[in-house]
Amino acid sequence: MAVDHVDAGIRVNSVSPGTTETPWIDRVVADQGESRDDLAARQPMGRLGTAEEIAEAALYLASREAAFTTGTDLVVDGGVTAR
């Protein structure tokens, strides 16, 4: 999509969040019996992400600072995929 729309001045990017402290986590904890501490322990950074951190990534991609960025996926997962 990024290449298809670049001539129109449209940038196409995405954000891939990792395990983030949201109401979804409440369901995971309830349904699977895992604790927040269990989930955080699997993260290289030792904690869950916040909705604000994910929003900041999206805001960056929408900003002038990312004007030369298109066709990328910004992974915001606390290092999980870096393992």
PDB file of N, CA and C in Angstrom:
ATOM      1  N   MET A   1       0.825  -1.192   0.000  1.00  0.00           N
ATOM      2  CA  MET A   1       0.000   0.000   0.000  1.00  0.00           C
ATOM      3  C   MET A   1       0.868   1.254   0.000  1.00  0.00           C
ATOM      4  N   ALA A   2       1.966   1.227   0.745  1.00  0.00           N
ATOM      5  CA  ALA A   2       2.817   2.408   0.822  1.00  0.00           C
ATOM      6  C   ALA A   2       3.318   2.809  -0.554  1.00  0.00           C
ATOM      7  N   VAL A   3       3.776   1.842  -1.330  1.00  0.00           N
ATOM      8  CA  VAL A   3       4.285   2.126  -2.670  1.00  0.00           C
ATOM      9  C   VAL A   3       3.148   2.555  -3.592  1.00  0.00           C
ATOM     10  N   ASP A   4       1.996   1.941  -3.446  1.00  0.00           N
ATOM     11  CA  ASP A   4       0.849   2.275  -4.290  1.00  0.00           C
ATOM     12  C   ASP A   4       0.375   3.714  -4.104  1.00  0.00           C
ATOM     13  N   HIS A   5       0.569   4.283  -2.926  1.00  0.00           N
ATOM     14  CA  HIS A   5       0.017   5.607  -2.621  1.00  0.00           C
ATOM     15  C   HIS A   5       1.067   6.695  -2.416  1.00  0.00           C
ATOM     16  N   VAL A   6       2.334   6.355  -2.556  1.00  0.00           N
ATOM     17  CA  VAL A   6       3.388   7.339  -2.303  1.00  0.00           C
ATOM     18  C   VAL A   6       3.298   8.536  -3.250  1.00  0.00           C
ATOM     19  N   ASP A   7       2.930   8.321  -4.503  1.00  0.00           N
ATOM     20  CA  ASP A   7       2.828   9.423  -5.457  1.00  0.00           C
ATOM     21  C   ASP A   7       1.733  10.416  -5.091  1.00  0.00           C
ATOM     22  N   ALA A   8       0.761   9.969  -4.318  1.00  0.00           N
ATOM     23  CA  ALA A   8      -0.319  10.855  -3.866  1.00  0.00           C
ATOM     24  C   ALA A   8       0.039  11.548  -2.549  1.00  0.00           C
ATOM     25  N   GLY A   9       1.250  11.312  -2.068  1.00  0.00           N
ATOM     26  CA  GLY A   9       1.671  11.930  -0.814  1.00  0.00           C
ATOM     27  C   GLY A   9       1.089  11.272   0.420  1.00  0.00           C
ATOM     28  N   ILE A  10       0.633  10.051   0.253  1.00  0.00           N
ATOM     29  CA  ILE A  10       0.043   9.314   1.380  1.00  0.00           C
ATOM     30  C   ILE A  10       1.081   8.345   1.923  1.00  0.00           C
ATOM     31  N   ARG A  11       1.332   8.444   3.220  1.00  0.00           N
ATOM     32  CA  ARG A  11       2.239   7.510   3.878  1.00  0.00           C
ATOM     33  C   ARG A  11       1.418   6.415   4.541  1.00  0.00           C
ATOM     34  N   VAL A  12       1.904   5.188   4.456  1.00  0.00           N
ATOM     35  CA  VAL A  12       1.210   4.044   5.049  1.00  0.00           C
ATOM     36  C   VAL A  12       2.172   3.342   5.989  1.00  0.00           C
ATOM     37  N   ASN A  13       1.825   3.334   7.267  1.00  0.00           N
ATOM     38  CA  ASN A  13       2.626   2.687   8.305  1.00  0.00           C
ATOM     39  C   ASN A  13       1.687   1.975   9.260  1.00  0.00           C
ATOM     40  N   SER A  14       2.250   1.176  10.133  1.00  0.00           N
ATOM     41  CA  SER A  14       1.443   0.490  11.135  1.00  0.00           C
ATOM     42  C   SER A  14       2.200   0.421  12.456  1.00  0.00           C
ATOM     43  N   VAL A  15       1.449   0.178  13.509  1.00  0.00           N
ATOM     44  CA  VAL A  15       2.002  -0.022  14.843  1.00  0.00           C
ATOM     45  C   VAL A  15       1.588  -1.412  15.298  1.00  0.00           C
ATOM     46  N   SER A  16       2.558  -2.192  15.782  1.00  0.00           N
ATOM     47  CA  SER A  16       2.286  -3.525  16.325  1.00  0.00           C
ATOM     48  C   SER A  16       2.605  -3.520  17.814  1.00  0.00           C
ATOM     49  N   PRO A  17       1.588  -3.388  18.639  1.00  0.00           N
ATOM     50  CA  PRO A  17       1.831  -3.336  20.082  1.00  0.00           C
ATOM     51  C   PRO A  17       2.051  -4.717  20.680  1.00  0.00           C
ATOM     52  N   GLY A  18       2.833  -4.748  21.726  1.00  0.00           N
ATOM     53  CA  GLY A  18       3.001  -5.963  22.510  1.00  0.00           C
ATOM     54  C   GLY A  18       1.952  -6.017  23.603  1.00  0.00           C
ATOM     55  N   THR A  19       2.234  -6.807  24.620  1.00  0.00           N
ATOM     56  CA  THR A  19       1.299  -6.956  25.736  1.00  0.00           C
ATOM     57  C   THR A  19       1.176  -5.627  26.459  1.00  0.00           C
ATOM     58  N   THR A  20      -0.034  -5.080  26.424  1.00  0.00           N
ATOM     59  CA  THR A  20      -0.290  -3.734  26.904  1.00  0.00           C
ATOM     60  C   THR A  20      -1.350  -3.763  27.988  1.00  0.00           C
ATOM     61  N   GLU A  21      -1.139  -2.978  29.008  1.00  0.00           N
ATOM     62  CA  GLU A  21      -2.083  -2.887  30.130  1.00  0.00           C
ATOM     63  C   GLU A  21      -3.376  -2.248  29.647  1.00  0.00           C
ATOM     64  N   THR A  22      -4.346  -3.098  29.322  1.00  0.00           N
ATOM     65  CA  THR A  22      -5.668  -2.666  28.844  1.00  0.00           C
ATOM     66  C   THR A  22      -6.710  -3.595  29.459  1.00  0.00           C
ATOM     67  N   PRO A  23      -7.983  -3.319  29.263  1.00  0.00           N
ATOM     68  CA  PRO A  23      -9.010  -4.244  29.772  1.00  0.00           C
ATOM     69  C   PRO A  23      -8.843  -5.671  29.243  1.00  0.00           C
ATOM     70  N   TRP A  24      -8.213  -5.834  28.091  1.00  0.00           N
ATOM     71  CA  TRP A  24      -7.953  -7.171  27.548  1.00  0.00           C
ATOM     72  C   TRP A  24      -7.136  -8.004  28.535  1.00  0.00           C
ATOM     73  N   ILE A  25      -6.204  -7.379  29.227  1.00  0.00           N
ATOM     74  CA  ILE A  25      -5.371  -8.089  30.201  1.00  0.00           C
ATOM     75  C   ILE A  25      -6.239  -8.669  31.316  1.00  0.00           C
ATOM     76  N   ASP A  26      -7.261  -7.942  31.730  1.00  0.00           N
ATOM     77  CA  ASP A  26      -8.184  -8.467  32.752  1.00  0.00           C
ATOM     78  C   ASP A  26      -8.802  -9.785  32.291  1.00  0.00           C
ATOM     79  N   ARG A  27      -9.172  -9.869  31.013  1.00  0.00           N
ATOM     80  CA  ARG A  27      -9.756 -11.109  30.477  1.00  0.00           C
ATOM     81  C   ARG A  27      -8.730 -12.228  30.422  1.00  0.00           C
ATOM     82  N   VAL A  28      -7.503 -11.904  30.028  1.00  0.00           N
ATOM     83  CA  VAL A  28      -6.446 -12.922  29.984  1.00  0.00           C
ATOM     84  C   VAL A  28      -6.207 -13.476  31.385  1.00  0.00           C
ATOM     85  N   VAL A  29      -6.120 -12.590  32.352  1.00  0.00           N
ATOM     86  CA  VAL A  29      -5.885 -13.011  33.740  1.00  0.00           C
ATOM     87  C   VAL A  29      -7.041 -13.892  34.218  1.00  0.00           C
ATOM     88  N   ALA A  30      -8.257 -13.480  33.931  1.00  0.00           N
ATOM     89  CA  ALA A  30      -9.431 -14.243  34.385  1.00  0.00           C
ATOM     90  C   ALA A  30      -9.580 -15.572  33.634  1.00  0.00           C
ATOM     91  N   ASP A  31      -9.400 -15.547  32.325  1.00  0.00           N
ATOM     92  CA  ASP A  31      -9.633 -16.738  31.500  1.00  0.00           C
ATOM     93  C   ASP A  31      -8.510 -17.760  31.580  1.00  0.00           C
ATOM     94  N   GLN A  32      -7.271 -17.297  31.675  1.00  0.00           N
ATOM     95  CA  GLN A  32      -6.134 -18.209  31.620  1.00  0.00           C
ATOM     96  C   GLN A  32      -5.459 -18.413  32.971  1.00  0.00           C
ATOM     97  N   GLY A  33      -5.901 -17.690  33.969  1.00  0.00           N
ATOM     98  CA  GLY A  33      -5.349 -17.873  35.303  1.00  0.00           C
ATOM     99  C   GLY A  33      -3.932 -17.348  35.474  1.00  0.00           C
ATOM    100  N   GLU A  34      -3.463 -16.553  34.535  1.00  0.00           N
ATOM    101  CA  GLU A  34      -2.136 -15.956  34.676  1.00  0.00           C
ATOM    102  C   GLU A  34      -2.268 -14.635  35.427  1.00  0.00           C
ATOM    103  N   SER A  35      -1.238 -14.287  36.141  1.00  0.00           N
ATOM    104  CA  SER A  35      -1.251 -13.004  36.839  1.00  0.00           C
ATOM    105  C   SER A  35      -0.569 -11.952  35.979  1.00  0.00           C
ATOM    106  N   ARG A  36      -0.785 -10.708  36.329  1.00  0.00           N
ATOM    107  CA  ARG A  36      -0.082  -9.618  35.650  1.00  0.00           C
ATOM    108  C   ARG A  36       1.433  -9.792  35.814  1.00  0.00           C
ATOM    109  N   ASP A  37       1.847 -10.266  36.970  1.00  0.00           N
ATOM    110  CA  ASP A  37       3.280 -10.496  37.204  1.00  0.00           C
ATOM    111  C   ASP A  37       3.824 -11.556  36.245  1.00  0.00           C
ATOM    112  N   ASP A  38       3.037 -12.612  35.983  1.00  0.00           N
ATOM    113  CA  ASP A  38       3.450 -13.643  35.022  1.00  0.00           C
ATOM    114  C   ASP A  38       3.635 -13.038  33.633  1.00  0.00           C
ATOM    115  N   LEU A  39       2.672 -12.223  33.227  1.00  0.00           N
ATOM    116  CA  LEU A  39       2.743 -11.598  31.914  1.00  0.00           C
ATOM    117  C   LEU A  39       3.938 -10.654  31.825  1.00  0.00           C
ATOM    118  N   ALA A  40       4.150  -9.873  32.864  1.00  0.00           N
ATOM    119  CA  ALA A  40       5.270  -8.925  32.882  1.00  0.00           C
ATOM    120  C   ALA A  40       6.611  -9.652  32.879  1.00  0.00           C
ATOM    121  N   ALA A  41       6.685 -10.784  33.545  1.00  0.00           N
ATOM    122  CA  ALA A  41       7.945 -11.531  33.633  1.00  0.00           C
ATOM    123  C   ALA A  41       8.398 -12.044  32.266  1.00  0.00           C
ATOM    124  N   ARG A  42       7.461 -12.225  31.334  1.00  0.00           N
ATOM    125  CA  ARG A  42       7.819 -12.691  29.985  1.00  0.00           C
ATOM    126  C   ARG A  42       8.348 -11.565  29.097  1.00  0.00           C
ATOM    127  N   GLN A  43       8.238 -10.347  29.578  1.00  0.00           N
ATOM    128  CA  GLN A  43       8.670  -9.194  28.792  1.00  0.00           C
ATOM    129  C   GLN A  43      10.131  -8.876  29.106  1.00  0.00           C
ATOM    130  N   PRO A  44      10.979  -8.676  28.095  1.00  0.00           N
ATOM    131  CA  PRO A  44      12.368  -8.317  28.360  1.00  0.00           C
ATOM    132  C   PRO A  44      12.502  -7.069  29.239  1.00  0.00           C
ATOM    133  N   MET A  45      11.578  -6.126  29.107  1.00  0.00           N
ATOM    134  CA  MET A  45      11.644  -4.920  29.919  1.00  0.00           C
ATOM    135  C   MET A  45      11.060  -5.137  31.320  1.00  0.00           C
ATOM    136  N   GLY A  46      10.474  -6.305  31.562  1.00  0.00           N
ATOM    137  CA  GLY A  46       9.966  -6.652  32.885  1.00  0.00           C
ATOM    138  C   GLY A  46       8.667  -5.987  33.278  1.00  0.00           C
ATOM    139  N   ARG A  47       7.963  -5.468  32.301  1.00  0.00           N
ATOM    140  CA  ARG A  47       6.674  -4.824  32.592  1.00  0.00           C
ATOM    141  C   ARG A  47       5.808  -4.858  31.357  1.00  0.00           C
ATOM    142  N   LEU A  48       4.527  -4.567  31.552  1.00  0.00           N
ATOM    143  CA  LEU A  48       3.608  -4.447  30.431  1.00  0.00           C
ATOM    144  C   LEU A  48       3.703  -3.036  29.867  1.00  0.00           C
ATOM    145  N   GLY A  49       3.351  -2.894  28.611  1.00  0.00           N
ATOM    146  CA  GLY A  49       3.297  -1.569  28.009  1.00  0.00           C
ATOM    147  C   GLY A  49       2.062  -0.834  28.484  1.00  0.00           C
ATOM    148  N   THR A  50       2.040   0.450  28.202  1.00  0.00           N
ATOM    149  CA  THR A  50       0.857   1.249  28.539  1.00  0.00           C
ATOM    150  C   THR A  50       0.182   1.706  27.253  1.00  0.00           C
ATOM    151  N   ALA A  51      -1.094   1.980  27.360  1.00  0.00           N
ATOM    152  CA  ALA A  51      -1.830   2.493  26.202  1.00  0.00           C
ATOM    153  C   ALA A  51      -1.211   3.806  25.728  1.00  0.00           C
ATOM    154  N   GLU A  52      -0.721   4.599  26.654  1.00  0.00           N
ATOM    155  CA  GLU A  52      -0.094   5.869  26.304  1.00  0.00           C
ATOM    156  C   GLU A  52       1.162   5.651  25.452  1.00  0.00           C
ATOM    157  N   GLU A  53       1.941   4.608  25.766  1.00  0.00           N
ATOM    158  CA  GLU A  53       3.144   4.323  24.981  1.00  0.00           C
ATOM    159  C   GLU A  53       2.796   3.916  23.553  1.00  0.00           C
ATOM    160  N   ILE A  54       1.730   3.166  23.403  1.00  0.00           N
ATOM    161  CA  ILE A  54       1.300   2.760  22.068  1.00  0.00           C
ATOM    162  C   ILE A  54       0.777   3.983  21.304  1.00  0.00           C
ATOM    163  N   ALA A  55       0.023   4.819  21.998  1.00  0.00           N
ATOM    164  CA  ALA A  55      -0.486   6.044  21.368  1.00  0.00           C
ATOM    165  C   ALA A  55       0.661   6.960  20.934  1.00  0.00           C
ATOM    166  N   GLU A  56       1.700   7.055  21.737  1.00  0.00           N
ATOM    167  CA  GLU A  56       2.859   7.884  21.372  1.00  0.00           C
ATOM    168  C   GLU A  56       3.522   7.377  20.095  1.00  0.00           C
ATOM    169  N   ALA A  57       3.580   6.072  19.922  1.00  0.00           N
ATOM    170  CA  ALA A  57       4.148   5.510  18.690  1.00  0.00           C
ATOM    171  C   ALA A  57       3.301   5.903  17.489  1.00  0.00           C
ATOM    172  N   ALA A  58       1.982   5.816  17.627  1.00  0.00           N
ATOM    173  CA  ALA A  58       1.089   6.205  16.536  1.00  0.00           C
ATOM    174  C   ALA A  58       1.206   7.699  16.244  1.00  0.00           C
ATOM    175  N   LEU A  59       1.301   8.490  17.300  1.00  0.00           N
ATOM    176  CA  LEU A  59       1.463   9.937  17.106  1.00  0.00           C
ATOM    177  C   LEU A  59       2.770  10.261  16.401  1.00  0.00           C
ATOM    178  N   TYR A  60       3.821   9.550  16.733  1.00  0.00           N
ATOM    179  CA  TYR A  60       5.092   9.756  16.033  1.00  0.00           C
ATOM    180  C   TYR A  60       4.924   9.513  14.534  1.00  0.00           C
ATOM    181  N   LEU A  61       4.314   8.389  14.175  1.00  0.00           N
ATOM    182  CA  LEU A  61       4.154   8.071  12.760  1.00  0.00           C
ATOM    183  C   LEU A  61       3.283   9.087  12.036  1.00  0.00           C
ATOM    184  N   ALA A  62       2.386   9.739  12.757  1.00  0.00           N
ATOM    185  CA  ALA A  62       1.526  10.761  12.156  1.00  0.00           C
ATOM    186  C   ALA A  62       2.173  12.142  12.152  1.00  0.00           C
ATOM    187  N   SER A  63       3.318  12.275  12.784  1.00  0.00           N
ATOM    188  CA  SER A  63       3.946  13.590  12.950  1.00  0.00           C
ATOM    189  C   SER A  63       4.848  13.970  11.781  1.00  0.00           C
ATOM    190  N   ARG A  64       5.246  15.235  11.763  1.00  0.00           N
ATOM    191  CA  ARG A  64       6.192  15.724  10.759  1.00  0.00           C
ATOM    192  C   ARG A  64       7.553  15.054  10.910  1.00  0.00           C
ATOM    193  N   GLU A  65       7.881  14.632  12.129  1.00  0.00           N
ATOM    194  CA  GLU A  65       9.155  13.963  12.361  1.00  0.00           C
ATOM    195  C   GLU A  65       9.273  12.652  11.587  1.00  0.00           C
ATOM    196  N   ALA A  66       8.149  12.077  11.215  1.00  0.00           N
ATOM    197  CA  ALA A  66       8.145  10.823  10.458  1.00  0.00           C
ATOM    198  C   ALA A  66       7.798  11.055   8.990  1.00  0.00           C
ATOM    199  N   ALA A  67       8.013  12.266   8.513  1.00  0.00           N
ATOM    200  CA  ALA A  67       7.617  12.628   7.149  1.00  0.00           C
ATOM    201  C   ALA A  67       8.281  11.770   6.071  1.00  0.00           C
ATOM    202  N   PHE A  68       9.440  11.197   6.357  1.00  0.00           N
ATOM    203  CA  PHE A  68      10.154  10.375   5.376  1.00  0.00           C
ATOM    204  C   PHE A  68       9.980   8.885   5.675  1.00  0.00           C
ATOM    205  N   THR A  69       8.997   8.568   6.484  1.00  0.00           N
ATOM    206  CA  THR A  69       8.739   7.189   6.888  1.00  0.00           C
ATOM    207  C   THR A  69       7.464   6.692   6.220  1.00  0.00           C
ATOM    208  N   THR A  70       7.593   5.639   5.443  1.00  0.00           N
ATOM    209  CA  THR A  70       6.423   4.984   4.859  1.00  0.00           C
ATOM    210  C   THR A  70       6.751   3.514   4.628  1.00  0.00           C
ATOM    211  N   GLY A  71       5.733   2.702   4.716  1.00  0.00           N
ATOM    212  CA  GLY A  71       5.914   1.270   4.491  1.00  0.00           C
ATOM    213  C   GLY A  71       6.584   0.550   5.642  1.00  0.00           C
ATOM    214  N   THR A  72       6.452   1.085   6.831  1.00  0.00           N
ATOM    215  CA  THR A  72       7.110   0.451   7.975  1.00  0.00           C
ATOM    216  C   THR A  72       6.099   0.020   9.030  1.00  0.00           C
ATOM    217  N   ASP A  73       6.506  -0.944   9.816  1.00  0.00           N
ATOM    218  CA  ASP A  73       5.729  -1.389  10.965  1.00  0.00           C
ATOM    219  C   ASP A  73       6.555  -1.076  12.199  1.00  0.00           C
ATOM    220  N   LEU A  74       6.036  -0.240  13.072  1.00  0.00           N
ATOM    221  CA  LEU A  74       6.724   0.129  14.298  1.00  0.00           C
ATOM    222  C   LEU A  74       6.293  -0.836  15.398  1.00  0.00           C
ATOM    223  N   VAL A  75       7.198  -1.717  15.775  1.00  0.00           N
ATOM    224  CA  VAL A  75       6.915  -2.717  16.811  1.00  0.00           C
ATOM    225  C   VAL A  75       7.182  -2.085  18.169  1.00  0.00           C
ATOM    226  N   VAL A  76       6.156  -2.053  19.009  1.00  0.00           N
ATOM    227  CA  VAL A  76       6.250  -1.452  20.335  1.00  0.00           C
ATOM    228  C   VAL A  76       5.869  -2.546  21.328  1.00  0.00           C
ATOM    229  N   ASP A  77       6.839  -3.443  21.581  1.00  0.00           N
ATOM    230  CA  ASP A  77       6.526  -4.634  22.370  1.00  0.00           C
ATOM    231  C   ASP A  77       7.500  -4.879  23.525  1.00  0.00           C
ATOM    232  N   GLY A  78       8.250  -3.867  23.896  1.00  0.00           N
ATOM    233  CA  GLY A  78       9.145  -4.017  25.037  1.00  0.00           C
ATOM    234  C   GLY A  78      10.291  -4.986  24.795  1.00  0.00           C
ATOM    235  N   GLY A  79      10.560  -5.314  23.550  1.00  0.00           N
ATOM    236  CA  GLY A  79      11.680  -6.175  23.214  1.00  0.00           C
ATOM    237  C   GLY A  79      11.340  -7.636  22.974  1.00  0.00           C
ATOM    238  N   VAL A  80      10.071  -8.010  23.013  1.00  0.00           N
ATOM    239  CA  VAL A  80       9.695  -9.422  22.846  1.00  0.00           C
ATOM    240  C   VAL A  80      10.182  -9.976  21.520  1.00  0.00           C
ATOM    241  N   THR A  81       9.974  -9.239  20.435  1.00  0.00           N
ATOM    242  CA  THR A  81      10.386  -9.760  19.136  1.00  0.00           C
ATOM    243  C   THR A  81      11.885  -9.638  18.894  1.00  0.00           C
ATOM    244  N   ALA A  82      12.594  -8.946  19.763  1.00  0.00           N
ATOM    245  CA  ALA A  82      14.040  -8.796  19.620  1.00  0.00           C
ATOM    246  C   ALA A  82      14.794 -10.018  20.146  1.00  0.00           C
ATOM    247  N   ARG A  83      14.105 -10.883  20.830  1.00  0.00           N
ATOM    248  CA  ARG A  83      14.747 -12.071  21.407  1.00  0.00           C
ATOM    249  C   ARG A  83      15.259 -12.979  20.339  1.00  0.00           C
TER     250      ARG A  83
END
